[in-house]
Amino acid sequence: MISDELGRVLRKLVLLGHTLNALIDVSKHKGISKDKIYAEIDSGNIFKYLEEPIQSAIGWGLGDFSEDDRAHLVEEWQSMANATDAQKELGVSNNGICLLLGYVLEGIVIRTRSEKLWPLA
């Protein structure tokens, strides 16, 4: 049984996954390369970078993430970027939003196995 806090984090990650999926659906993912997402994750600015495309496309999706949540996720995604072969493990070779969606899905899987809030951070 997962804790209430882990359930909260998992629900936020599912919402983020839906948000990224919505960006793809309305074609706001075009032109956002895998390399651009890697650079924004590496610099720690990924959430700031995503705010404008998400707000202009769908108007929701990131407000539920506290600064603490965002910092933990940036660390987690930095770890994934260094340890994961995106093409082989996530099936992503070009699109940056698809890469990030893969990280979100992988984070959900890791949490359900480990039952830790921030397993890679």
N, C-alpha and C. Protein backbone atom coordinates (compact mmCIF):
# COMPACT_ATOMS: atom_id res chain seq x y z
N MET A 1 0.85 -1.19 0.00
CA MET A 1 0.00 0.00 0.00
C MET A 1 0.89 1.24 0.00
N ILE A 2 0.59 2.18 -0.88
CA ILE A 2 1.40 3.39 -0.95
C ILE A 2 0.91 4.42 0.07
N SER A 3 1.84 5.25 0.50
CA SER A 3 1.49 6.29 1.47
C SER A 3 0.71 7.40 0.78
N ASP A 4 0.06 8.22 1.58
CA ASP A 4 -0.68 9.37 1.05
C ASP A 4 0.25 10.31 0.29
N GLU A 5 1.44 10.52 0.83
CA GLU A 5 2.40 11.43 0.21
C GLU A 5 2.87 10.88 -1.14
N LEU A 6 3.15 9.59 -1.21
CA LEU A 6 3.55 8.98 -2.48
C LEU A 6 2.39 9.05 -3.48
N GLY A 7 1.19 8.81 -3.02
CA GLY A 7 0.01 8.94 -3.88
C GLY A 7 -0.11 10.34 -4.45
N ARG A 8 0.17 11.35 -3.63
CA ARG A 8 0.13 12.76 -4.09
C ARG A 8 1.14 12.98 -5.19
N VAL A 9 2.37 12.49 -5.02
CA VAL A 9 3.41 12.67 -6.03
C VAL A 9 3.05 11.92 -7.30
N LEU A 10 2.54 10.70 -7.17
CA LEU A 10 2.15 9.93 -8.36
C LEU A 10 1.03 10.62 -9.13
N ARG A 11 0.05 11.20 -8.43
CA ARG A 11 -1.03 11.93 -9.10
C ARG A 11 -0.48 13.14 -9.85
N LYS A 12 0.48 13.83 -9.25
CA LYS A 12 1.10 14.98 -9.92
C LYS A 12 1.85 14.54 -11.17
N LEU A 13 2.55 13.42 -11.09
CA LEU A 13 3.27 12.93 -12.26
C LEU A 13 2.31 12.50 -13.37
N VAL A 14 1.20 11.89 -13.00
CA VAL A 14 0.20 11.52 -14.01
C VAL A 14 -0.35 12.78 -14.67
N LEU A 15 -0.64 13.82 -13.88
CA LEU A 15 -1.10 15.08 -14.44
C LEU A 15 -0.06 15.67 -15.39
N LEU A 16 1.21 15.62 -15.01
CA LEU A 16 2.26 16.13 -15.88
C LEU A 16 2.31 15.31 -17.16
N GLY A 17 2.16 14.01 -17.06
CA GLY A 17 2.12 13.16 -18.25
C GLY A 17 0.98 13.55 -19.18
N HIS A 18 -0.20 13.78 -18.61
CA HIS A 18 -1.35 14.22 -19.41
C HIS A 18 -1.07 15.58 -20.06
N THR A 19 -0.41 16.45 -19.33
CA THR A 19 -0.08 17.78 -19.85
C THR A 19 0.87 17.67 -21.04
N LEU A 20 1.92 16.85 -20.91
CA LEU A 20 2.86 16.66 -22.01
C LEU A 20 2.16 16.00 -23.20
N ASN A 21 1.30 15.06 -22.92
CA ASN A 21 0.53 14.41 -23.98
C ASN A 21 -0.35 15.43 -24.70
N ALA A 22 -0.95 16.36 -23.96
CA ALA A 22 -1.77 17.40 -24.58
C ALA A 22 -0.93 18.31 -25.47
N LEU A 23 0.31 18.61 -25.08
CA LEU A 23 1.20 19.40 -25.93
C LEU A 23 1.43 18.70 -27.27
N ILE A 24 1.63 17.40 -27.20
CA ILE A 24 1.82 16.62 -28.42
C ILE A 24 0.55 16.66 -29.26
N ASP A 25 -0.59 16.51 -28.61
CA ASP A 25 -1.87 16.46 -29.32
C ASP A 25 -2.16 17.75 -30.09
N VAL A 26 -1.79 18.89 -29.54
CA VAL A 26 -2.05 20.16 -30.22
C VAL A 26 -0.84 20.64 -31.02
N SER A 27 0.13 19.74 -31.21
CA SER A 27 1.32 19.99 -32.04
C SER A 27 2.24 21.08 -31.49
N LYS A 28 2.21 21.32 -30.18
CA LYS A 28 3.12 22.29 -29.58
C LYS A 28 4.48 21.66 -29.26
N HIS A 29 4.64 20.40 -29.57
CA HIS A 29 5.89 19.70 -29.33
C HIS A 29 6.87 19.88 -30.49
N LYS A 30 6.37 20.33 -31.63
CA LYS A 30 7.21 20.45 -32.82
C LYS A 30 8.29 21.50 -32.59
N GLY A 31 9.49 21.15 -32.97
CA GLY A 31 10.61 22.07 -32.81
C GLY A 31 11.28 22.00 -31.46
N ILE A 32 10.75 21.20 -30.54
CA ILE A 32 11.39 21.04 -29.24
C ILE A 32 12.18 19.74 -29.30
N SER A 33 13.46 19.88 -29.52
CA SER A 33 14.31 18.71 -29.73
C SER A 33 14.70 18.04 -28.42
N LYS A 34 15.13 16.83 -28.56
CA LYS A 34 15.65 16.07 -27.42
C LYS A 34 16.85 16.82 -26.82
N ASP A 35 17.71 17.36 -27.67
CA ASP A 35 18.88 18.09 -27.19
C ASP A 35 18.49 19.35 -26.40
N LYS A 36 17.43 20.03 -26.83
CA LYS A 36 16.96 21.22 -26.11
C LYS A 36 16.46 20.82 -24.72
N ILE A 37 15.72 19.73 -24.62
CA ILE A 37 15.23 19.28 -23.32
C ILE A 37 16.40 18.86 -22.43
N TYR A 38 17.37 18.15 -23.00
CA TYR A 38 18.57 17.81 -22.21
C TYR A 38 19.23 19.07 -21.66
N ALA A 39 19.37 20.10 -22.50
CA ALA A 39 20.02 21.34 -22.06
C ALA A 39 19.23 22.03 -20.96
N GLU A 40 17.91 22.06 -21.08
CA GLU A 40 17.07 22.71 -20.06
C GLU A 40 17.06 21.92 -18.76
N ILE A 41 17.10 20.61 -18.85
CA ILE A 41 17.20 19.78 -17.64
C ILE A 41 18.55 20.03 -16.98
N ASP A 42 19.61 20.01 -17.78
CA ASP A 42 20.95 20.19 -17.24
C ASP A 42 21.11 21.55 -16.54
N SER A 43 20.51 22.59 -17.11
CA SER A 43 20.62 23.92 -16.51
C SER A 43 19.69 24.11 -15.32
N GLY A 44 18.74 23.18 -15.15
CA GLY A 44 17.77 23.29 -14.06
C GLY A 44 16.58 24.16 -14.38
N ASN A 45 16.45 24.58 -15.65
CA ASN A 45 15.39 25.51 -16.05
C ASN A 45 14.24 24.85 -16.79
N ILE A 46 14.11 23.54 -16.72
CA ILE A 46 13.12 22.84 -17.52
C ILE A 46 11.68 23.30 -17.24
N PHE A 47 11.33 23.54 -15.99
CA PHE A 47 9.96 23.96 -15.70
C PHE A 47 9.69 25.36 -16.22
N LYS A 48 10.66 26.25 -16.07
CA LYS A 48 10.51 27.60 -16.61
C LYS A 48 10.38 27.55 -18.13
N TYR A 49 11.17 26.72 -18.78
CA TYR A 49 11.12 26.57 -20.22
C TYR A 49 9.74 26.07 -20.69
N LEU A 50 9.14 25.16 -19.94
CA LEU A 50 7.87 24.55 -20.34
C LEU A 50 6.65 25.44 -20.08
N GLU A 51 6.78 26.43 -19.21
CA GLU A 51 5.62 27.23 -18.81
C GLU A 51 4.91 27.87 -19.99
N GLU A 52 5.65 28.52 -20.88
CA GLU A 52 5.01 29.24 -21.99
C GLU A 52 4.30 28.29 -22.95
N PRO A 53 4.96 27.24 -23.45
CA PRO A 53 4.22 26.37 -24.38
C PRO A 53 3.00 25.72 -23.74
N ILE A 54 3.11 25.38 -22.47
CA ILE A 54 1.97 24.74 -21.80
C ILE A 54 0.84 25.74 -21.60
N GLN A 55 1.15 26.93 -21.14
CA GLN A 55 0.10 27.93 -20.93
C GLN A 55 -0.56 28.32 -22.24
N SER A 56 0.23 28.51 -23.30
CA SER A 56 -0.37 28.93 -24.57
C SER A 56 -1.17 27.82 -25.22
N ALA A 57 -0.79 26.57 -24.97
CA ALA A 57 -1.47 25.45 -25.61
C ALA A 57 -2.70 24.99 -24.86
N ILE A 58 -2.57 24.85 -23.54
CA ILE A 58 -3.66 24.23 -22.80
C ILE A 58 -4.05 24.97 -21.52
N GLY A 59 -3.18 25.87 -21.05
CA GLY A 59 -3.55 26.71 -19.91
C GLY A 59 -3.53 26.05 -18.54
N TRP A 60 -2.99 24.85 -18.42
CA TRP A 60 -2.93 24.19 -17.12
C TRP A 60 -1.80 23.18 -17.11
N GLY A 61 -1.46 22.68 -15.93
CA GLY A 61 -0.54 21.56 -15.89
C GLY A 61 0.63 21.64 -14.95
N LEU A 62 1.17 22.81 -14.67
CA LEU A 62 2.36 22.88 -13.82
C LEU A 62 2.11 23.51 -12.45
N GLY A 63 0.95 24.10 -12.25
CA GLY A 63 0.68 24.81 -11.02
C GLY A 63 0.68 23.95 -9.77
N ASP A 64 0.45 22.67 -9.90
CA ASP A 64 0.42 21.79 -8.73
C ASP A 64 1.80 21.43 -8.19
N PHE A 65 2.85 21.75 -8.94
CA PHE A 65 4.20 21.39 -8.52
C PHE A 65 4.83 22.50 -7.69
N SER A 66 5.15 22.16 -6.43
CA SER A 66 5.83 23.12 -5.56
C SER A 66 7.27 23.29 -6.04
N GLU A 67 7.94 24.30 -5.52
CA GLU A 67 9.35 24.48 -5.85
C GLU A 67 10.17 23.27 -5.42
N ASP A 68 9.81 22.68 -4.29
CA ASP A 68 10.49 21.49 -3.80
C ASP A 68 10.28 20.31 -4.76
N ASP A 69 9.03 20.12 -5.21
CA ASP A 69 8.74 19.07 -6.19
C ASP A 69 9.57 19.28 -7.45
N ARG A 70 9.59 20.50 -7.93
CA ARG A 70 10.33 20.82 -9.16
C ARG A 70 11.82 20.54 -8.99
N ALA A 71 12.38 20.93 -7.87
CA ALA A 71 13.81 20.69 -7.64
C ALA A 71 14.13 19.20 -7.61
N HIS A 72 13.28 18.43 -6.95
CA HIS A 72 13.49 16.99 -6.91
C HIS A 72 13.37 16.36 -8.30
N LEU A 73 12.39 16.80 -9.07
CA LEU A 73 12.21 16.25 -10.41
C LEU A 73 13.37 16.62 -11.32
N VAL A 74 13.88 17.85 -11.21
CA VAL A 74 15.04 18.23 -12.01
C VAL A 74 16.22 17.31 -11.70
N GLU A 75 16.47 17.07 -10.42
CA GLU A 75 17.55 16.14 -10.04
C GLU A 75 17.31 14.75 -10.60
N GLU A 76 16.07 14.29 -10.50
CA GLU A 76 15.72 12.96 -11.01
C GLU A 76 15.95 12.88 -12.51
N TRP A 77 15.49 13.89 -13.25
CA TRP A 77 15.65 13.88 -14.69
C TRP A 77 17.11 14.06 -15.10
N GLN A 78 17.88 14.79 -14.32
CA GLN A 78 19.32 14.89 -14.60
C GLN A 78 19.96 13.52 -14.46
N SER A 79 19.57 12.79 -13.44
CA SER A 79 20.08 11.43 -13.24
C SER A 79 19.68 10.54 -14.41
N MET A 80 18.43 10.62 -14.83
CA MET A 80 17.96 9.81 -15.96
C MET A 80 18.69 10.18 -17.25
N ALA A 81 18.91 11.47 -17.46
CA ALA A 81 19.60 11.93 -18.67
C ALA A 81 21.02 11.35 -18.74
N ASN A 82 21.65 11.20 -17.59
CA ASN A 82 23.01 10.67 -17.54
C ASN A 82 23.07 9.16 -17.61
N ALA A 83 21.98 8.48 -17.26
CA ALA A 83 22.03 7.02 -17.15
C ALA A 83 21.15 6.27 -18.15
N THR A 84 20.33 6.97 -18.90
CA THR A 84 19.33 6.31 -19.75
C THR A 84 19.65 6.55 -21.23
N ASP A 85 19.65 5.50 -22.00
CA ASP A 85 19.74 5.62 -23.46
C ASP A 85 18.32 5.82 -23.96
N ALA A 86 18.00 7.06 -24.31
CA ALA A 86 16.62 7.41 -24.64
C ALA A 86 16.06 6.58 -25.79
N GLN A 87 16.86 6.33 -26.79
CA GLN A 87 16.34 5.59 -27.93
C GLN A 87 16.10 4.13 -27.57
N LYS A 88 17.06 3.51 -26.92
CA LYS A 88 16.93 2.09 -26.59
C LYS A 88 15.93 1.82 -25.48
N GLU A 89 15.92 2.66 -24.46
CA GLU A 89 15.10 2.39 -23.28
C GLU A 89 13.73 3.06 -23.30
N LEU A 90 13.62 4.20 -23.99
CA LEU A 90 12.35 4.94 -23.99
C LEU A 90 11.72 5.03 -25.38
N GLY A 91 12.46 4.60 -26.40
CA GLY A 91 11.94 4.67 -27.76
C GLY A 91 11.90 6.06 -28.34
N VAL A 92 12.73 6.97 -27.82
CA VAL A 92 12.71 8.37 -28.25
C VAL A 92 14.05 8.71 -28.90
N SER A 93 13.98 9.19 -30.15
CA SER A 93 15.21 9.57 -30.83
C SER A 93 15.25 11.05 -31.21
N ASN A 94 14.12 11.74 -31.24
CA ASN A 94 14.11 13.13 -31.71
C ASN A 94 13.39 14.11 -30.81
N ASN A 95 12.17 13.79 -30.45
CA ASN A 95 11.27 14.76 -29.84
C ASN A 95 11.52 14.95 -28.35
N GLY A 96 11.76 16.19 -27.94
CA GLY A 96 12.05 16.50 -26.56
C GLY A 96 10.89 16.30 -25.61
N ILE A 97 9.68 16.61 -26.05
CA ILE A 97 8.51 16.41 -25.19
C ILE A 97 8.27 14.93 -24.98
N CYS A 98 8.47 14.13 -26.03
CA CYS A 98 8.35 12.68 -25.88
C CYS A 98 9.42 12.15 -24.91
N LEU A 99 10.62 12.71 -24.96
CA LEU A 99 11.67 12.32 -24.01
C LEU A 99 11.21 12.60 -22.59
N LEU A 100 10.71 13.79 -22.35
CA LEU A 100 10.26 14.16 -21.01
C LEU A 100 9.09 13.29 -20.57
N LEU A 101 8.17 12.99 -21.46
CA LEU A 101 7.06 12.09 -21.15
C LEU A 101 7.60 10.71 -20.76
N GLY A 102 8.62 10.24 -21.46
CA GLY A 102 9.26 8.97 -21.10
C GLY A 102 9.85 9.02 -19.70
N TYR A 103 10.48 10.14 -19.33
CA TYR A 103 11.02 10.28 -17.98
C TYR A 103 9.92 10.26 -16.93
N VAL A 104 8.82 10.93 -17.23
CA VAL A 104 7.69 10.95 -16.29
C VAL A 104 7.15 9.53 -16.08
N LEU A 105 6.95 8.82 -17.17
CA LEU A 105 6.45 7.44 -17.07
C LEU A 105 7.44 6.55 -16.31
N GLU A 106 8.71 6.69 -16.61
CA GLU A 106 9.73 5.90 -15.91
C GLU A 106 9.73 6.25 -14.42
N GLY A 107 9.55 7.53 -14.09
CA GLY A 107 9.49 7.93 -12.69
C GLY A 107 8.31 7.30 -11.96
N ILE A 108 7.19 7.17 -12.63
CA ILE A 108 6.03 6.51 -12.03
C ILE A 108 6.34 5.04 -11.76
N VAL A 109 6.93 4.38 -12.73
CA VAL A 109 7.28 2.96 -12.56
C VAL A 109 8.27 2.78 -11.41
N ILE A 110 9.29 3.60 -11.36
CA ILE A 110 10.31 3.49 -10.31
C ILE A 110 9.68 3.69 -8.93
N ARG A 111 8.79 4.66 -8.82
CA ARG A 111 8.14 4.92 -7.52
C ARG A 111 7.23 3.77 -7.10
N THR A 112 6.53 3.19 -8.04
CA THR A 112 5.64 2.09 -7.65
C THR A 112 6.43 0.86 -7.22
N ARG A 113 7.65 0.72 -7.73
CA ARG A 113 8.50 -0.40 -7.31
C ARG A 113 9.20 -0.12 -5.98
N SER A 114 9.67 1.10 -5.82
CA SER A 114 10.48 1.42 -4.63
C SER A 114 9.65 1.96 -3.47
N GLU A 115 8.47 2.52 -3.78
CA GLU A 115 7.61 3.20 -2.80
C GLU A 115 8.33 4.37 -2.12
N LYS A 116 9.29 4.99 -2.83
CA LYS A 116 9.99 6.18 -2.35
C LYS A 116 9.50 7.39 -3.13
N LEU A 117 9.40 8.54 -2.45
CA LEU A 117 8.96 9.76 -3.11
C LEU A 117 9.94 10.19 -4.19
N TRP A 118 11.22 10.20 -3.85
CA TRP A 118 12.24 10.72 -4.76
C TRP A 118 13.34 9.67 -4.89
N PRO A 119 13.08 8.58 -5.60
CA PRO A 119 14.02 7.45 -5.65
C PRO A 119 15.35 7.73 -6.34
N LEU A 120 15.40 8.67 -7.28
CA LEU A 120 16.64 8.92 -8.01
C LEU A 120 17.28 10.25 -7.65
N ALA A 121 16.56 11.08 -6.95
CA ALA A 121 17.08 12.43 -6.64
C ALA A 121 18.10 12.37 -5.54
